[in-house]
Protein backbone atom coordinates (compact mmCIF):
# COMPACT_ATOMS: atom_id res chain seq x y z
CA MET A 1 200.82 122.43 81.79
CA PRO A 2 198.54 124.19 84.20
CA VAL A 3 195.57 122.13 85.65
CA LEU A 4 193.22 124.88 84.42
CA THR A 5 194.30 124.40 80.75
CA ILE A 6 193.75 120.58 81.21
CA LEU A 7 190.26 121.20 82.70
CA ILE A 8 189.45 123.53 79.78
CA VAL A 9 190.45 120.97 77.29
CA ILE A 10 188.42 118.27 78.88
CA ILE A 11 185.35 120.41 79.10
CA GLY A 12 185.84 121.56 75.55
CA VAL A 13 186.06 118.06 74.30
CA GLY A 14 182.92 117.06 76.28
CA VAL A 15 180.89 119.96 74.82
CA ILE A 16 182.03 119.21 71.37
CA LEU A 17 180.99 115.57 71.71
CA TRP A 18 177.68 116.50 73.25
CA LEU A 19 177.04 118.90 70.33
CA ILE A 20 177.96 116.29 67.73
CA ASN A 21 175.79 113.67 69.45
CA SER A 22 172.82 116.01 69.84
CA PHE A 23 172.67 117.90 66.56
CA ILE A 24 174.38 115.82 63.74
CA PRO A 25 172.28 112.93 62.72
CA MET A 26 174.29 109.88 62.44
CA GLN A 27 173.72 106.10 62.99
CA ARG A 28 174.09 104.99 66.63
CA THR A 29 177.04 102.82 65.94
CA ILE A 30 178.96 105.49 64.23
CA LYS A 31 178.35 107.72 67.16
CA ASN A 32 179.55 105.06 69.62
CA ILE A 33 182.77 104.64 67.67
CA LEU A 34 183.29 108.35 67.47
CA ASN A 35 182.85 108.77 71.20
CA ALA A 36 185.25 105.83 71.80
CA VAL A 37 187.98 107.12 69.66
CA VAL A 38 187.78 110.68 71.09
CA ILE A 39 187.85 109.38 74.70
CA ILE A 40 190.72 106.94 73.98
CA ILE A 41 192.78 109.94 72.45
CA LEU A 42 191.90 112.05 75.37
CA VAL A 43 193.02 109.56 77.85
CA ILE A 44 196.22 108.86 76.06
CA TRP A 45 196.83 112.69 75.84
CA LEU A 46 196.20 112.81 79.63
CA LEU A 47 198.55 109.92 80.25
CA LYS A 48 201.20 111.76 78.21
CA ILE A 49 200.72 114.98 80.02
CA PHE A 50 200.99 113.47 83.52
CA GLY A 51 204.15 111.49 82.54
CA VAL A 52 202.71 108.06 82.85
CA LEU A 53 203.48 106.97 79.26
CA ASP A 54 207.14 108.26 79.74
CA SER A 55 207.73 105.96 82.67
CA LEU A 56 206.21 102.95 80.96
CA GLN A 57 208.95 103.33 78.23
CA ASN A 58 211.65 102.17 80.87
CA VAL A 59 209.67 99.02 81.79
CA THR A 60 211.18 95.82 80.33
CA ILE A 61 209.43 92.55 80.00
């Protein structure tokens, strides 16, 4: 996946979160939970794109 596509997705997610936080009235705790969930999903997606999660599957404990 090209780096430009990854940057566009990250910027798009950031803009969508900003729009939701700015213009949709919600309780502060719900906004914090929503932000945390979206960021966790984005980080997991990035780890999968860069192959970090694939290499962790070979680790044995």
